[in-house]
Amino acid sequence: MDWGTELWDQFEVLERHTQWGLDLLDKYVKFVKERAEVEQAYAKQLRSLVKKYLPKRPTKDDPEVKFSQQQSFVQLLQEVNDFAGQRELVAESLGIRVCLELAKYSQEMKQERKMHFQEGRRAQQQLENGFKQLENSKRKFERDCREAEKAAHTAERLDQDINATKADVEKAKQQAHLRNHMAEESKNEYAAQLQRFNRDQAHFYFSQMPQIFDKLQDMDERRATRLGAGYGLLSEAELQVVPIIGKCLEGMKVAAESVDAKNDSQVLIELHKSGFARPGDLEFEDFSQVINRVPSDSSLGTPDGRPELRAASSRSRAKRWPFGKKNKTVATEDFSHLPPEQQRKRLQQQLEERNRELQKEEDQREALKKMKDVYEKTPQMGDPASLEPRIAETLGNIERLKLEVQKYEAWLAEAESRVLSNRGDSLSRHARPPDPPTTAPPDSSSSSTNSGSQDNKESSEEPPSEGQDTPIYTEFDEDFEEPASPIGQCVAIYHFEGSSEGTVSMSEGEDLSLMEEDKGDGWTRVRRKQGAEGYVPTSYLRVTLN
């Protein structure tokens, strides 16, 4: 079925339909153009977003880049940036393959449609002109027939009129004959014009217009096919970037799975490990000496003891400097302003850098020597003397770098010994439990508290363990009374073997009942679950009072 056969009389309908098809093509081109602008804006916003969150500092100067979290985030941003690039490719493909090509094709279709309809209108105009000529010849034939009939009636009337002259009769007959001749000619012309018009009309309806309509149908079908292909380009542009976008998404997934919390913790340690030893135990400051002692030659410090106590307190505070506010320090060449571990790392980096520079200078020296030998053997290639300044400069650089290497090696050896020393002190101080009090534990029976107090004054105290809340009493009761029930609970931090009289053994982590607090002599009275009761070092316990 074709338009020329089925729609031979629907010229205006075909004109409206073909115009609608071209309008739809233009509408789709406009839609794709705006879609490409959306993709461009989306890609631009993604790139701006990535640029906003990318690290501003160079990678080598940013310590945060060593963390897997930061590396994954940067990789994620790079994948998003690549994703934005794919959106730009989609916009570019739509702009070129759809907008430009379809817009050009639409103009060609409009010109072709205009040509076909102009040809159809010319054919219609020719047919209308033929019909007008046919009508004119028909009216002329009709008019001439009436005139001939009128002339014939006039000649017949005069011929029967006895009063008419022979000349009038003859003249009337001649006029009637002339009119008959003219009517015959008009008849022949009308018949010829009618035959010509019928031939033109048949050609118009059965050949000329069907061909034009068929051309319009072919044009419209080609336009619809091209429009359908344009619809497909929209999805094809997306499908072309799907593999790359899939890789971007896979890269994002890999970045997410690359976060290693344990490794980041280790990196933090490596970046900020100071290498300092942990602060030592604080000494017990016995303020009761001011009350219980009288000034004598054996008294420590001044008679009132206060200046020495303040000095000891200051020393104790100085030992715990890592917990205080750090003062700003001036950077030094040997990095002594840094903690030991960080100093060692920085010195190691500087030493490796100097060694690389030294190797580079030595390679350059060897190359210059070989070049000089070539110049000496083949003078036309160059003057050997021209290389002397560069060789001398290289030798100077080598000597300078060797001195710097020696200097950094010495500093590094000193820093490493310092780190090992601090590490050994820390291990020796914290790998074993504190020493028990040097004084004997109080007698489990009634004993003289005065002698116990005197022994306490002459002994050196060990500090309680971390987290201990037990208050230290510096005065003793005159009479020893065993409490009827526990006054608290405690946990053994270290194992203790109660081998001396009045002591009791305990295992690390054992729960004990607190029977009597430390009275300043470093011993605390506890009871085991088995019922055994005795004294253990206070520094070996973590105490909780009821």
Protein backbone atom coordinates (compact mmCIF):
# COMPACT_ATOMS: atom_id res chain seq x y z
CA MET A 1 0.00 0.00 0.00
CA ASP A 2 1.27 3.41 -0.93
CA TRP A 3 0.16 6.97 -0.55
CA GLY A 4 -0.20 7.58 -4.29
CA THR A 5 -2.87 4.90 -4.57
CA GLU A 6 -4.68 5.07 -1.24
CA LEU A 7 -4.32 8.77 -0.44
CA TRP A 8 -4.57 10.23 -3.96
CA ASP A 9 -7.06 12.86 -2.79
CA GLN A 10 -5.44 13.72 0.61
CA PHE A 11 -2.92 16.32 -0.44
CA GLU A 12 -3.54 18.58 2.59
CA VAL A 13 -3.42 15.61 4.97
CA LEU A 14 -0.04 14.53 3.63
CA GLU A 15 1.20 18.09 3.86
CA ARG A 16 0.25 18.29 7.56
CA HIS A 17 1.64 14.81 8.32
CA THR A 18 5.03 15.42 6.75
CA GLN A 19 5.29 18.76 8.54
CA TRP A 20 4.47 17.04 11.85
CA GLY A 21 7.21 14.48 11.20
CA LEU A 22 9.80 17.19 10.64
CA ASP A 23 8.62 19.05 13.75
CA LEU A 24 9.05 15.84 15.77
CA LEU A 25 12.59 15.45 14.41
CA ASP A 26 13.42 19.01 15.44
CA LYS A 27 11.84 18.43 18.85
CA TYR A 28 14.02 15.36 19.43
CA VAL A 29 17.14 17.27 18.38
CA LYS A 30 16.28 19.98 20.89
CA PHE A 31 15.68 17.38 23.60
CA VAL A 32 19.06 15.73 22.97
CA LYS A 33 20.76 19.12 22.98
CA GLU A 34 19.34 19.92 26.40
CA ARG A 35 20.21 16.40 27.58
CA ALA A 36 23.82 16.97 26.50
CA GLU A 37 23.85 20.26 28.41
CA VAL A 38 22.62 18.42 31.51
CA GLU A 39 25.42 15.86 31.11
CA GLN A 40 27.99 18.63 30.67
CA ALA A 41 26.75 20.45 33.77
CA TYR A 42 26.72 17.19 35.74
CA ALA A 43 30.28 16.38 34.70
CA LYS A 44 31.42 19.92 35.51
CA GLN A 45 29.87 19.77 38.97
CA LEU A 46 31.47 16.37 39.61
CA ARG A 47 34.89 17.67 38.59
CA SER A 48 34.46 20.74 40.80
CA LEU A 49 33.44 18.49 43.68
CA VAL A 50 36.50 16.27 43.18
CA LYS A 51 38.79 19.30 42.97
CA LYS A 52 37.29 20.65 46.19
CA TYR A 53 38.03 17.50 48.18
CA LEU A 54 41.36 16.46 46.65
CA PRO A 55 44.36 17.09 48.93
CA LYS A 56 45.82 20.55 48.38
CA ARG A 57 49.34 19.66 49.51
CA PRO A 58 51.73 17.62 47.37
CA THR A 59 51.54 13.91 48.05
CA LYS A 60 55.10 13.64 49.32
CA ASP A 61 54.50 16.42 51.88
CA ASP A 62 51.22 15.04 53.19
CA PRO A 63 51.65 12.49 56.01
CA GLU A 64 47.96 11.63 55.81
CA VAL A 65 48.50 9.97 52.41
CA LYS A 66 50.18 7.04 54.19
CA PHE A 67 46.86 6.02 55.74
CA SER A 68 44.80 3.54 53.74
CA GLN A 69 41.68 5.56 54.55
CA GLN A 70 43.15 8.63 52.84
CA GLN A 71 44.51 6.60 49.93
CA SER A 72 41.09 5.00 49.41
CA PHE A 73 39.39 8.39 49.57
CA VAL A 74 41.78 9.85 46.98
CA GLN A 75 41.25 6.79 44.77
CA LEU A 76 37.50 7.22 45.19
CA LEU A 77 37.79 10.86 44.10
CA GLN A 78 39.86 9.87 41.08
CA GLU A 79 37.27 7.29 40.07
CA VAL A 80 34.53 9.93 40.40
CA ASN A 81 36.66 12.23 38.22
CA ASP A 82 36.97 9.47 35.61
CA PHE A 83 33.22 8.93 35.87
CA ALA A 84 32.74 12.65 35.15
CA GLY A 85 34.94 12.23 32.07
CA GLN A 86 32.65 9.49 30.80
CA ARG A 87 29.64 11.77 31.27
CA GLU A 88 31.46 14.35 29.16
CA LEU A 89 31.99 11.72 26.47
CA VAL A 90 28.26 10.98 26.53
CA ALA A 91 27.48 14.68 26.12
CA GLU A 92 30.02 15.00 23.28
CA SER A 93 28.65 11.94 21.49
CA LEU A 94 25.08 13.19 21.78
CA GLY A 95 26.07 16.64 20.59
CA ILE A 96 27.90 15.42 17.48
CA ARG A 97 26.12 12.24 16.41
CA VAL A 98 22.59 13.34 17.30
CA CYS A 99 22.29 17.11 17.50
CA LEU A 100 24.54 18.13 14.61
CA GLU A 101 23.82 15.24 12.25
CA LEU A 102 20.07 15.13 12.86
CA ALA A 103 19.79 18.91 12.62
CA LYS A 104 21.58 18.80 9.25
CA TYR A 105 19.39 15.91 8.13
CA SER A 106 16.27 17.83 9.18
CA GLN A 107 17.25 20.74 6.94
CA GLU A 108 17.74 18.34 4.01
CA MET A 109 14.32 16.81 4.64
CA LYS A 110 12.69 20.21 4.72
CA GLN A 111 14.22 21.13 1.36
CA GLU A 112 13.14 17.83 -0.17
CA ARG A 113 9.61 18.16 1.19
CA LYS A 114 9.37 21.70 -0.12
CA MET A 115 10.47 20.54 -3.59
CA HIS A 116 7.89 17.74 -3.73
CA PHE A 117 5.00 19.93 -2.65
CA GLN A 118 6.03 22.65 -5.07
CA GLU A 119 5.95 20.04 -7.84
CA GLY A 120 2.51 18.91 -6.71
CA ARG A 121 1.19 22.44 -6.63
CA ARG A 122 2.52 23.11 -10.11
CA ALA A 123 0.73 19.99 -11.36
CA GLN A 124 -2.47 21.15 -9.66
CA GLN A 125 -2.10 24.59 -11.20
CA GLN A 126 -1.60 23.13 -14.66
CA LEU A 127 -4.68 20.96 -14.26
CA GLU A 128 -6.69 23.94 -13.08
CA ASN A 129 -5.50 25.99 -16.06
CA GLY A 130 -6.56 23.17 -18.42
CA PHE A 131 -9.95 23.06 -16.76
CA LYS A 132 -10.36 26.82 -17.19
CA GLN A 133 -9.51 26.56 -20.86
CA LEU A 134 -12.03 23.74 -21.19
CA GLU A 135 -14.68 25.86 -19.53
CA ASN A 136 -13.91 28.79 -21.82
CA SER A 137 -14.16 26.65 -24.95
CA LYS A 138 -17.36 25.13 -23.64
CA ARG A 139 -18.95 28.54 -23.01
CA LYS A 140 -17.81 29.74 -26.45
CA PHE A 141 -19.31 26.65 -28.09
CA GLU A 142 -22.56 27.24 -26.24
CA ARG A 143 -22.62 30.89 -27.20
CA ASP A 144 -21.85 30.17 -30.83
CA CYS A 145 -24.61 27.55 -30.94
CA ARG A 146 -27.16 30.03 -29.64
CA GLU A 147 -26.02 32.65 -32.17
CA ALA A 148 -26.22 30.13 -35.04
CA GLU A 149 -29.72 29.05 -33.98
CA LYS A 150 -30.79 32.69 -33.74
CA ALA A 151 -29.36 33.46 -37.22
CA ALA A 152 -31.14 30.40 -38.68
CA HIS A 153 -34.52 31.56 -37.22
CA THR A 154 -33.96 35.04 -38.62
CA ALA A 155 -33.14 33.73 -42.15
CA GLU A 156 -36.21 31.44 -42.08
CA ARG A 157 -38.47 34.28 -40.96
CA LEU A 158 -37.24 36.62 -43.72
CA ASP A 159 -37.56 33.86 -46.28
CA GLN A 160 -41.28 33.53 -45.45
CA ASP A 161 -41.84 37.27 -45.25
CA ILE A 162 -43.34 38.51 -48.58
CA ASN A 163 -42.32 42.04 -47.80
CA ALA A 164 -38.62 41.15 -47.41
CA THR A 165 -36.39 41.78 -50.34
CA LYS A 166 -34.37 39.12 -51.96
CA ALA A 167 -31.18 40.84 -50.85
CA ASP A 168 -32.25 40.79 -47.17
CA VAL A 169 -33.15 37.13 -47.44
CA GLU A 170 -29.85 36.31 -49.05
CA LYS A 171 -27.97 38.28 -46.44
CA ALA A 172 -29.81 36.52 -43.59
CA LYS A 173 -29.01 33.14 -45.08
CA GLN A 174 -25.36 34.04 -45.40
CA GLN A 175 -25.32 35.18 -41.74
CA ALA A 176 -26.95 31.93 -40.62
CA HIS A 177 -24.42 29.91 -42.60
CA LEU A 178 -21.56 31.89 -40.98
CA ARG A 179 -22.94 31.34 -37.51
CA ASN A 180 -23.29 27.63 -38.17
CA HIS A 181 -19.69 27.49 -39.31
CA MET A 182 -18.49 29.33 -36.18
CA ALA A 183 -20.51 27.01 -33.97
CA GLU A 184 -18.98 24.02 -35.73
CA GLU A 185 -15.49 25.39 -35.13
CA SER A 186 -16.30 26.06 -31.46
CA LYS A 187 -17.59 22.54 -31.19
CA ASN A 188 -14.40 21.10 -32.60
CA GLU A 189 -12.29 23.29 -30.31
CA TYR A 190 -14.36 22.33 -27.28
CA ALA A 191 -14.05 18.64 -28.14
CA ALA A 192 -10.30 18.94 -28.58
CA GLN A 193 -9.96 20.87 -25.31
CA LEU A 194 -12.09 18.31 -23.51
CA GLN A 195 -9.99 15.48 -24.82
CA ARG A 196 -6.80 17.28 -23.82
CA PHE A 197 -8.14 17.99 -20.30
CA ASN A 198 -9.25 14.42 -19.74
CA ARG A 199 -5.82 13.23 -20.79
CA ASP A 200 -4.12 15.73 -18.44
CA GLN A 201 -6.49 14.88 -15.61
CA ALA A 202 -5.85 11.17 -15.98
CA HIS A 203 -2.12 11.85 -16.01
CA PHE A 204 -2.48 14.05 -12.94
CA TYR A 205 -4.46 11.57 -10.84
CA PHE A 206 -3.00 8.30 -12.05
CA SER A 207 0.62 9.18 -12.68
CA GLN A 208 1.90 12.60 -11.72
CA MET A 209 0.43 13.03 -8.21
CA PRO A 210 0.90 9.36 -7.20
CA GLN A 211 4.57 9.71 -8.04
CA ILE A 212 4.81 12.86 -5.95
CA PHE A 213 2.95 11.21 -3.08
CA ASP A 214 5.18 8.15 -3.34
CA LYS A 215 8.24 10.42 -3.12
CA LEU A 216 6.76 12.06 -0.06
CA GLN A 217 6.07 8.65 1.45
CA ASP A 218 9.65 7.55 0.80
CA MET A 219 10.94 10.80 2.29
CA ASP A 220 8.78 10.43 5.39
CA GLU A 221 9.75 6.80 5.86
CA ARG A 222 13.44 7.69 5.57
CA ARG A 223 12.91 10.46 8.09
CA ALA A 224 11.16 8.08 10.50
CA THR A 225 13.92 5.49 10.08
CA ARG A 226 16.60 8.09 10.74
CA LEU A 227 14.68 9.35 13.76
CA GLY A 228 14.48 5.80 15.12
CA ALA A 229 18.22 5.46 14.65
CA GLY A 230 18.60 8.75 16.52
CA TYR A 231 16.58 7.29 19.37
CA GLY A 232 19.01 4.39 19.40
CA LEU A 233 22.02 6.74 19.54
CA LEU A 234 20.78 7.96 22.89
CA SER A 235 21.18 4.52 24.42
CA GLU A 236 24.24 3.70 22.33
CA ALA A 237 26.06 6.70 23.73
CA GLU A 238 25.38 5.35 27.22
CA LEU A 239 26.35 1.79 26.32
CA GLN A 240 29.70 2.93 24.93
CA VAL A 241 30.76 4.27 28.33
CA VAL A 242 29.18 1.50 30.40
CA PRO A 243 32.40 -0.62 30.46
CA ILE A 244 34.49 2.34 31.63
CA ILE A 245 31.84 3.39 34.14
CA GLY A 246 31.75 -0.21 35.35
CA LYS A 247 35.50 -0.05 35.88
CA CYS A 248 35.07 3.23 37.76
CA LEU A 249 32.47 1.66 40.02
CA GLU A 250 34.67 -1.40 40.47
CA GLY A 251 37.54 0.93 41.37
CA MET A 252 35.33 2.60 43.98
CA LYS A 253 34.53 -0.83 45.41
CA VAL A 254 38.22 -1.75 45.50
CA ALA A 255 38.97 1.57 47.22
CA ALA A 256 36.34 0.83 49.84
CA GLU A 257 37.77 -2.63 50.44
CA SER A 258 41.32 -1.25 50.67
CA VAL A 259 40.70 0.44 54.00
CA ASP A 260 42.90 -1.39 56.51
CA ALA A 261 42.23 -0.24 60.06
CA LYS A 262 45.06 -2.30 61.56
CA ASN A 263 47.57 -1.02 59.04
CA ASP A 264 46.45 2.57 59.65
CA SER A 265 47.04 2.08 63.36
CA GLN A 266 50.53 0.82 62.58
CA VAL A 267 51.14 3.78 60.26
CA LEU A 268 50.11 6.17 63.02
CA ILE A 269 52.59 4.47 65.31
CA GLU A 270 55.37 4.77 62.74
CA LEU A 271 54.58 8.43 62.07
CA HIS A 272 54.35 9.62 65.66
CA LYS A 273 56.25 7.11 67.78
CA SER A 274 58.55 9.25 69.90
CA GLY A 275 60.89 6.57 71.22
CA PHE A 276 60.90 8.08 74.71
CA ALA A 277 60.79 5.79 77.69
CA ARG A 278 57.66 5.86 79.80
CA PRO A 279 57.84 8.03 82.90
CA GLY A 280 59.14 6.27 85.99
CA ASP A 281 57.20 5.69 89.18
CA LEU A 282 56.70 8.71 91.36
CA GLU A 283 58.40 8.69 94.73
CA PHE A 284 56.38 8.80 97.91
CA GLU A 285 56.59 12.21 99.54
CA ASP A 286 56.23 11.70 103.29
CA PHE A 287 54.92 14.98 104.60
CA SER A 288 54.53 13.37 108.05
CA GLN A 289 58.27 13.81 108.58
CA VAL A 290 57.59 17.43 109.34
CA ILE A 291 55.30 16.41 112.20
CA ASN A 292 56.96 13.26 113.56
CA ARG A 293 60.58 14.26 113.29
CA VAL A 294 62.51 16.85 115.17
CA PRO A 295 65.41 18.60 113.51
CA SER A 296 68.57 16.56 113.80
CA ASP A 297 71.70 15.76 111.93
CA SER A 298 69.95 12.82 110.24
CA SER A 299 67.01 14.96 109.05
CA LEU A 300 66.69 15.40 105.29
CA GLY A 301 66.74 18.92 103.89
CA THR A 302 66.10 22.01 105.99
CA PRO A 303 64.62 21.77 109.53
CA ASP A 304 61.09 22.26 108.26
CA GLY A 305 61.66 20.05 105.22
CA ARG A 306 59.54 22.15 102.89
CA PRO A 307 62.06 23.39 100.36
CA GLU A 308 63.28 19.86 99.66
CA LEU A 309 59.71 18.58 99.27
CA ARG A 310 58.99 21.28 96.75
CA ALA A 311 62.08 20.40 94.83
CA ALA A 312 61.14 16.72 94.81
CA SER A 313 57.68 17.62 93.63
CA SER A 314 59.20 19.66 90.82
CA ARG A 315 61.39 16.74 89.82
CA SER A 316 58.37 14.45 89.78
CA ARG A 317 56.51 16.81 87.54
CA ALA A 318 59.47 17.09 85.20
CA LYS A 319 59.49 13.34 84.70
CA ARG A 320 55.95 13.36 83.38
CA TRP A 321 56.57 15.96 80.63
CA PRO A 322 54.90 13.92 77.82
CA PHE A 323 51.50 14.66 79.36
CA GLY A 324 52.09 18.39 79.58
CA LYS A 325 51.86 21.08 76.95
CA LYS A 326 54.68 20.93 74.42
CA ASN A 327 56.73 24.05 73.97
CA LYS A 328 57.65 25.18 70.50
CA THR A 329 61.15 24.12 69.57
CA VAL A 330 63.52 25.41 66.95
CA ALA A 331 64.35 22.93 64.21
CA THR A 332 67.95 21.77 64.19
CA GLU A 333 70.03 20.08 61.51
CA ASP A 334 70.37 16.86 63.49
CA PHE A 335 66.63 16.88 64.28
CA SER A 336 67.39 16.74 67.99
CA HIS A 337 64.28 18.83 68.54
CA LEU A 338 62.22 15.74 67.59
CA PRO A 339 61.47 12.69 69.77
CA PRO A 340 64.07 9.94 69.47
CA GLU A 341 62.13 7.66 67.15
CA GLN A 342 61.11 10.49 64.82
CA GLN A 343 64.66 11.84 64.91
CA ARG A 344 65.97 8.42 63.87
CA LYS A 345 63.52 8.23 60.94
CA ARG A 346 64.31 11.70 59.70
CA LEU A 347 68.03 11.08 59.94
CA GLN A 348 67.58 7.80 58.07
CA GLN A 349 65.71 9.64 55.31
CA GLN A 350 68.38 12.32 55.08
CA LEU A 351 71.13 9.71 55.00
CA GLU A 352 69.42 7.78 52.18
CA GLU A 353 68.93 11.00 50.23
CA ARG A 354 72.60 11.95 50.65
CA ASN A 355 73.68 8.48 49.55
CA ARG A 356 71.57 8.76 46.43
CA GLU A 357 73.06 12.16 45.63
CA LEU A 358 76.55 10.80 46.28
CA GLN A 359 75.97 7.86 43.94
CA LYS A 360 74.67 10.24 41.29
CA GLU A 361 77.75 12.47 41.58
CA GLU A 362 80.09 9.47 41.43
CA ASP A 363 78.34 8.21 38.29
CA GLN A 364 78.68 11.64 36.77
CA ARG A 365 82.37 11.73 37.66
CA GLU A 366 82.92 8.37 35.94
CA ALA A 367 81.04 9.58 32.87
CA LEU A 368 83.15 12.75 32.71
CA LYS A 369 86.35 10.71 33.04
CA LYS A 370 85.32 8.47 30.15
CA MET A 371 84.41 11.52 28.08
CA LYS A 372 87.79 13.09 28.85
CA ASP A 373 89.57 9.91 27.75
CA VAL A 374 87.62 9.96 24.49
CA TYR A 375 88.54 13.63 23.91
CA GLU A 376 92.19 12.88 24.60
CA LYS A 377 92.21 10.00 22.13
CA THR A 378 90.09 11.85 19.56
CA PRO A 379 90.79 15.63 19.84
CA GLN A 380 88.41 16.52 17.00
CA MET A 381 85.48 15.47 19.22
CA GLY A 382 86.24 18.05 21.91
CA ASP A 383 88.75 19.74 24.17
CA PRO A 384 89.63 17.66 27.29
CA ALA A 385 90.46 20.82 29.21
CA SER A 386 86.87 22.01 28.87
CA LEU A 387 85.79 19.16 31.15
CA GLU A 388 88.14 20.06 33.99
CA PRO A 389 85.80 22.62 35.67
CA ARG A 390 82.92 20.13 35.67
CA ILE A 391 85.14 17.34 36.99
CA ALA A 392 86.44 19.61 39.74
CA GLU A 393 82.89 20.66 40.63
CA THR A 394 81.82 17.01 40.77
CA LEU A 395 84.77 16.09 43.02
CA GLY A 396 83.86 18.97 45.32
CA ASN A 397 80.29 17.77 45.52
CA ILE A 398 81.45 14.22 46.27
CA GLU A 399 83.67 15.39 49.14
CA ARG A 400 80.90 17.53 50.54
CA LEU A 401 78.38 14.70 50.35
CA LYS A 402 80.79 12.24 51.95
CA LEU A 403 81.23 14.59 54.89
CA GLU A 404 77.47 14.97 55.17
CA VAL A 405 77.02 11.19 55.02
CA GLN A 406 79.56 10.72 57.81
CA LYS A 407 77.85 13.43 59.84
CA TYR A 408 74.39 11.89 59.41
CA GLU A 409 75.73 8.40 60.12
CA ALA A 410 77.16 9.62 63.42
CA TRP A 411 73.90 11.35 64.32
CA LEU A 412 71.93 8.27 63.28
CA ALA A 413 74.11 5.96 65.41
CA GLU A 414 73.63 8.26 68.38
CA ALA A 415 69.86 8.43 67.79
CA GLU A 416 69.57 4.64 67.47
CA SER A 417 71.50 4.09 70.68
CA ARG A 418 69.23 6.60 72.35
CA VAL A 419 66.13 4.77 71.09
CA LEU A 420 67.47 1.39 72.21
CA SER A 421 68.40 2.80 75.59
CA ASN A 422 64.95 4.26 76.13
CA ARG A 423 63.36 1.04 74.92
CA GLY A 424 65.47 -1.01 77.32
CA ASP A 425 64.66 1.25 80.25
CA SER A 426 60.98 1.05 79.45
CA LEU A 427 61.02 -2.71 79.16
CA SER A 428 63.03 -3.20 82.33
CA ARG A 429 60.72 -0.93 84.25
CA HIS A 430 57.41 -2.36 83.04
CA ALA A 431 58.16 -5.98 82.22
CA ARG A 432 58.49 -6.96 85.88
CA PRO A 433 56.48 -6.00 88.97
CA PRO A 434 57.76 -3.28 91.31
CA ASP A 435 59.96 -4.32 94.18
CA PRO A 436 58.12 -5.05 97.43
CA PRO A 437 58.70 -2.77 100.41
CA THR A 438 62.08 -3.14 102.07
CA THR A 439 60.50 -3.12 105.53
CA ALA A 440 59.13 -6.30 107.03
CA PRO A 441 55.36 -6.67 107.09
CA PRO A 442 53.64 -5.87 110.39
CA ASP A 443 53.28 -8.75 112.83
CA SER A 444 49.92 -10.39 112.53
CA SER A 445 49.68 -10.33 116.35
CA SER A 446 49.64 -7.21 118.48
CA SER A 447 52.85 -5.33 117.73
CA SER A 448 54.37 -2.07 118.62
CA THR A 449 53.20 0.45 116.13
CA ASN A 450 55.97 2.78 117.22
CA SER A 451 58.66 0.40 115.97
CA GLY A 452 56.62 -0.19 112.83
CA SER A 453 56.32 3.53 112.31
CA GLN A 454 60.04 3.99 112.87
CA ASP A 455 60.84 1.26 110.32
CA ASN A 456 58.50 2.97 107.91
CA LYS A 457 60.34 6.28 108.29
CA GLU A 458 63.67 4.70 107.54
CA SER A 459 62.48 2.73 104.48
CA SER A 460 62.03 3.92 100.92
CA GLU A 461 58.48 3.70 99.62
CA GLU A 462 57.37 2.27 96.29
CA PRO A 463 54.51 4.10 94.55
CA PRO A 464 51.12 2.44 94.23
CA SER A 465 50.12 0.96 90.92
CA GLU A 466 48.17 2.87 88.28
CA GLY A 467 44.49 3.30 89.02
CA GLN A 468 44.94 2.82 92.80
CA ASP A 469 42.58 4.94 94.81
CA THR A 470 43.76 3.83 98.25
CA PRO A 471 44.57 6.79 100.48
CA ILE A 472 47.88 6.64 102.33
CA TYR A 473 47.71 7.18 106.07
CA THR A 474 50.88 8.38 107.76
CA GLU A 475 49.77 7.80 111.32
CA PHE A 476 49.17 4.47 113.06
CA ASP A 477 46.76 3.50 115.76
CA GLU A 478 48.30 2.58 119.09
CA ASP A 479 46.39 -0.67 119.29
CA PHE A 480 45.97 -3.12 116.42
CA GLU A 481 42.41 -4.26 115.95
CA GLU A 482 41.48 -6.72 113.23
CA PRO A 483 38.31 -5.62 111.40
CA ALA A 484 35.44 -7.97 111.69
CA SER A 485 34.54 -7.73 107.98
CA PRO A 486 36.28 -6.62 104.76
CA ILE A 487 36.42 -2.88 104.15
CA GLY A 488 36.83 -3.25 100.39
CA GLN A 489 37.91 -5.41 97.50
CA CYS A 490 41.18 -5.60 95.59
CA VAL A 491 42.72 -7.41 92.64
CA ALA A 492 46.30 -8.72 92.47
CA ILE A 493 48.16 -6.99 89.64
CA TYR A 494 51.25 -9.18 90.03
CA HIS A 495 52.07 -12.55 91.47
CA PHE A 496 53.47 -12.46 95.03
CA GLU A 497 55.05 -15.28 96.98
CA GLY A 498 54.43 -14.69 100.68
CA SER A 499 57.55 -16.33 102.09
CA SER A 500 58.19 -14.12 105.13
CA GLU A 501 56.28 -14.13 108.39
CA GLY A 502 52.96 -12.29 108.33
CA THR A 503 52.64 -12.30 104.52
CA VAL A 504 50.30 -14.30 102.32
CA SER A 505 50.80 -15.51 98.74
CA MET A 506 48.58 -14.39 95.86
CA SER A 507 48.33 -15.01 92.11
CA GLU A 508 48.11 -12.41 89.36
CA GLY A 509 44.46 -11.48 88.72
CA GLU A 510 43.22 -13.03 91.99
CA ASP A 511 40.28 -11.31 93.73
CA LEU A 512 40.98 -10.56 97.41
CA SER A 513 39.12 -9.03 100.33
CA LEU A 514 40.64 -5.86 101.77
CA MET A 515 40.91 -6.23 105.54
CA GLU A 516 43.16 -3.30 106.43
CA GLU A 517 44.49 -0.36 104.44
CA ASP A 518 48.13 0.54 103.94
CA LYS A 519 49.27 2.63 106.92
CA GLY A 520 52.26 4.08 105.13
CA ASP A 521 54.64 1.16 105.38
CA GLY A 522 53.84 -0.20 101.86
CA TRP A 523 51.87 -3.26 103.12
CA THR A 524 48.14 -3.97 102.90
CA ARG A 525 46.32 -6.68 104.80
CA VAL A 526 44.10 -8.94 102.63
CA ARG A 527 42.17 -12.19 102.90
CA ARG A 528 42.09 -14.85 100.22
CA LYS A 529 38.94 -16.76 99.32
CA GLN A 530 40.47 -19.87 100.93
CA GLY A 531 40.51 -17.99 104.24
CA ALA A 532 44.26 -17.33 104.41
CA GLU A 533 44.96 -13.81 105.65
CA GLY A 534 48.11 -11.71 105.69
CA TYR A 535 50.04 -8.78 104.24
CA VAL A 536 50.97 -8.15 100.58
CA PRO A 537 52.75 -5.19 98.92
CA THR A 538 50.34 -2.33 98.33
CA SER A 539 51.90 -1.60 94.93
CA TYR A 540 50.87 -5.11 93.81
CA LEU A 541 47.15 -4.35 94.28
CA ARG A 542 44.34 -2.43 92.65
CA VAL A 543 42.10 -1.47 95.56
CA THR A 544 38.40 -0.54 95.67
CA LEU A 545 36.98 0.59 99.02
CA ASN A 546 33.42 -0.15 100.05
